[in-house]
C-alpha cells in the first residue's frame, strides 16, 4: 500500500473541502425546484443549513490552498503555471464574493448574479486546480 503521508492528507483535505463547496452548490441548484415545492421558505432554509457546512469547507480550502502553495516554488514555475495560478485565485475570490453576496441579499438580481458567480468561480477554480496539480 502507498504511504498516506502528510502530502496525501493535505491534498485530500483540499479535495474533500472542494467537494463540499462546489459539489454542494451544484446539488442545491439541482434541488431548487423540489425545495420551492416544499414551501416559499424551504430554499432559504436549505441554503442556510448548507452554509453551516460550506463556509467551514471554504476556510479549509483557503488554508490547504496556502499550504499547497508553500509546497511549490512558484518562482521556479513556468509563466503558464503562474498565469493559471493567478486566474485560479481570481476565480476563488469570485466564488467567495458571489456566495457572500448571494447569502446576504434581498435582491433577486444579486441573488441570481451572486449564485452564478459563486458556482462558475468554484467550478473554474476546481478545473484550474486540477490543471495546476498535473502541471506542477
Protein backbone atom coordinates (compact mmCIF):
# COMPACT_ATOMS: atom_id res chain seq x y z
CA UNK A 1 0.00 0.00 0.00
CA UNK A 2 1.18 3.52 -0.76
CA UNK A 3 2.10 5.72 2.16
CA UNK A 4 -0.56 8.11 3.49
CA UNK A 5 1.95 10.82 4.30
CA UNK A 6 1.25 14.45 5.16
CA UNK A 7 1.19 15.45 1.47
CA UNK A 8 -1.59 12.97 0.77
CA UNK A 9 -3.61 14.29 3.72
CA UNK A 10 -3.03 17.91 2.62
CA UNK A 11 -4.35 17.25 -0.88
CA UNK A 12 -7.15 15.03 0.43
CA UNK A 13 -8.39 17.78 2.74
CA UNK A 14 -8.27 20.27 -0.12
CA UNK A 15 -10.23 17.96 -2.44
CA UNK A 16 -12.86 16.99 0.14
CA UNK A 17 -13.42 20.66 1.00
CA UNK A 18 -13.78 21.48 -2.71
CA UNK A 19 -16.29 18.63 -2.97
CA UNK A 20 -18.42 20.26 -0.28
CA UNK A 21 -18.04 23.84 -1.59
CA UNK A 22 -18.53 23.20 -5.31
CA UNK A 23 -20.48 19.96 -5.21
CA UNK A 24 -22.87 21.28 -2.59
CA UNK A 25 -23.68 24.30 -4.74
CA UNK A 26 -24.44 22.05 -7.69
CA UNK A 27 -26.63 19.78 -5.57
CA UNK A 28 -28.56 22.74 -4.15
CA UNK A 29 -29.09 24.13 -7.65
CA UNK A 30 -30.39 20.74 -8.75
CA UNK A 31 -32.78 20.55 -5.79
CA UNK A 32 -34.08 24.11 -6.11
CA UNK A 33 -37.28 23.16 -7.92
CA UNK A 34 -38.12 20.49 -5.36
CA UNK A 35 -37.31 22.82 -2.48
CA UNK A 36 -39.58 25.51 -3.91
CA UNK A 37 -42.37 22.94 -3.99
CA UNK A 38 -41.97 22.39 -0.26
CA UNK A 39 -42.74 26.00 0.58
CA UNK A 40 -41.63 29.55 -0.04
CA UNK A 41 -39.01 29.47 2.71
CA UNK A 42 -37.64 25.97 2.02
CA UNK A 43 -34.88 27.06 -0.40
CA UNK A 44 -33.67 29.70 2.07
CA UNK A 45 -33.69 27.22 4.94
CA UNK A 46 -31.75 24.64 2.92
CA UNK A 47 -29.24 27.29 1.83
CA UNK A 48 -28.71 28.47 5.40
CA UNK A 49 -28.12 24.92 6.56
CA UNK A 50 -25.75 24.33 3.64
CA UNK A 51 -23.81 27.45 4.63
CA UNK A 52 -23.00 25.87 8.01
CA UNK A 53 -21.04 23.26 6.06
CA UNK A 54 -19.93 25.31 3.07
CA UNK A 55 -18.14 28.19 4.80
CA UNK A 56 -16.00 25.92 7.03
CA UNK A 57 -15.18 23.93 3.88
CA UNK A 58 -14.17 27.16 2.16
CA UNK A 59 -11.92 28.03 5.12
CA UNK A 60 -10.28 24.61 4.78
CA UNK A 61 -9.83 25.30 1.07
CA UNK A 62 -8.04 28.57 1.82
CA UNK A 63 -5.78 27.02 4.47
CA UNK A 64 -4.90 23.95 2.42
CA UNK A 65 -4.54 26.10 -0.70
CA UNK A 66 -1.93 28.25 1.04
CA UNK A 67 -0.29 25.07 2.33
CA UNK A 68 -0.26 23.70 -1.23
CA UNK A 69 1.40 26.88 -2.47
CA UNK A 70 4.08 26.62 0.21
CA UNK A 71 4.99 23.23 -1.24
CA UNK A 72 5.68 24.74 -4.69
CA UNK A 73 8.45 27.20 -5.51
CA UNK A 74 6.17 29.39 -7.62
CA UNK A 75 9.13 31.49 -8.75
CA UNK A 76 10.62 28.42 -10.44
CA UNK A 77 7.42 27.52 -12.30
CA UNK A 78 6.61 28.42 -15.89
CA UNK A 79 4.81 31.60 -16.86
CA UNK A 80 1.87 29.42 -17.93
CA UNK A 81 1.71 27.90 -14.44
CA UNK A 82 1.83 31.33 -12.81
CA UNK A 83 -0.90 32.72 -15.08
CA UNK A 84 -3.08 29.68 -14.38
CA UNK A 85 -2.49 30.10 -10.65
CA UNK A 86 -3.39 33.79 -10.81
CA UNK A 87 -6.59 33.05 -12.72
CA UNK A 88 -7.46 30.30 -10.23
CA UNK A 89 -7.05 32.72 -7.33
CA UNK A 90 -9.31 35.25 -9.08
CA UNK A 91 -11.95 32.55 -9.56
CA UNK A 92 -11.68 31.55 -5.89
CA UNK A 93 -12.27 35.18 -4.93
CA UNK A 94 -15.22 35.43 -7.35
CA UNK A 95 -16.71 32.28 -5.84
CA UNK A 96 -16.40 33.57 -2.28
CA UNK A 97 -17.64 37.09 -3.07
CA UNK A 98 -20.52 35.70 -5.11
CA UNK A 99 -21.53 33.29 -2.33
CA UNK A 100 -21.34 36.05 0.27
CA UNK A 101 -23.48 38.37 -1.84
CA UNK A 102 -25.93 35.55 -2.59
CA UNK A 103 -26.29 34.76 1.10
CA UNK A 104 -26.71 38.36 2.26
CA UNK A 105 -29.20 39.99 -0.07
CA UNK A 106 -32.88 40.52 -0.51
CA UNK A 107 -32.48 41.42 -4.18
CA UNK A 108 -33.41 38.77 -6.73
CA UNK A 109 -30.82 40.17 -9.14
CA UNK A 110 -27.98 39.96 -6.58
CA UNK A 111 -29.23 36.53 -5.54
CA UNK A 112 -29.01 35.27 -9.13
CA UNK A 113 -25.75 37.00 -10.06
CA UNK A 114 -24.08 36.07 -6.77
CA UNK A 115 -25.13 32.45 -7.07
CA UNK A 116 -23.92 32.24 -10.65
CA UNK A 117 -20.60 33.93 -9.82
CA UNK A 118 -20.07 31.58 -6.90
CA UNK A 119 -20.83 28.44 -8.91
CA UNK A 120 -18.90 29.46 -12.03
CA UNK A 121 -15.97 30.68 -9.94
CA UNK A 122 -15.91 27.46 -7.92
CA UNK A 123 -16.13 25.19 -10.95
CA UNK A 124 -13.46 27.20 -12.77
CA UNK A 125 -11.15 27.20 -9.76
CA UNK A 126 -11.61 23.44 -9.43
CA UNK A 127 -10.73 22.90 -13.09
CA UNK A 128 -7.64 25.10 -12.88
CA UNK A 129 -6.62 23.40 -9.62
CA UNK A 130 -6.62 20.06 -11.40
CA UNK A 131 -4.58 21.58 -14.24
CA UNK A 132 -2.07 23.02 -11.77
CA UNK A 133 -1.71 19.71 -9.95
CA UNK A 134 -0.94 17.96 -13.23
CA UNK A 135 1.44 20.65 -14.47
CA UNK A 136 3.48 21.22 -11.32
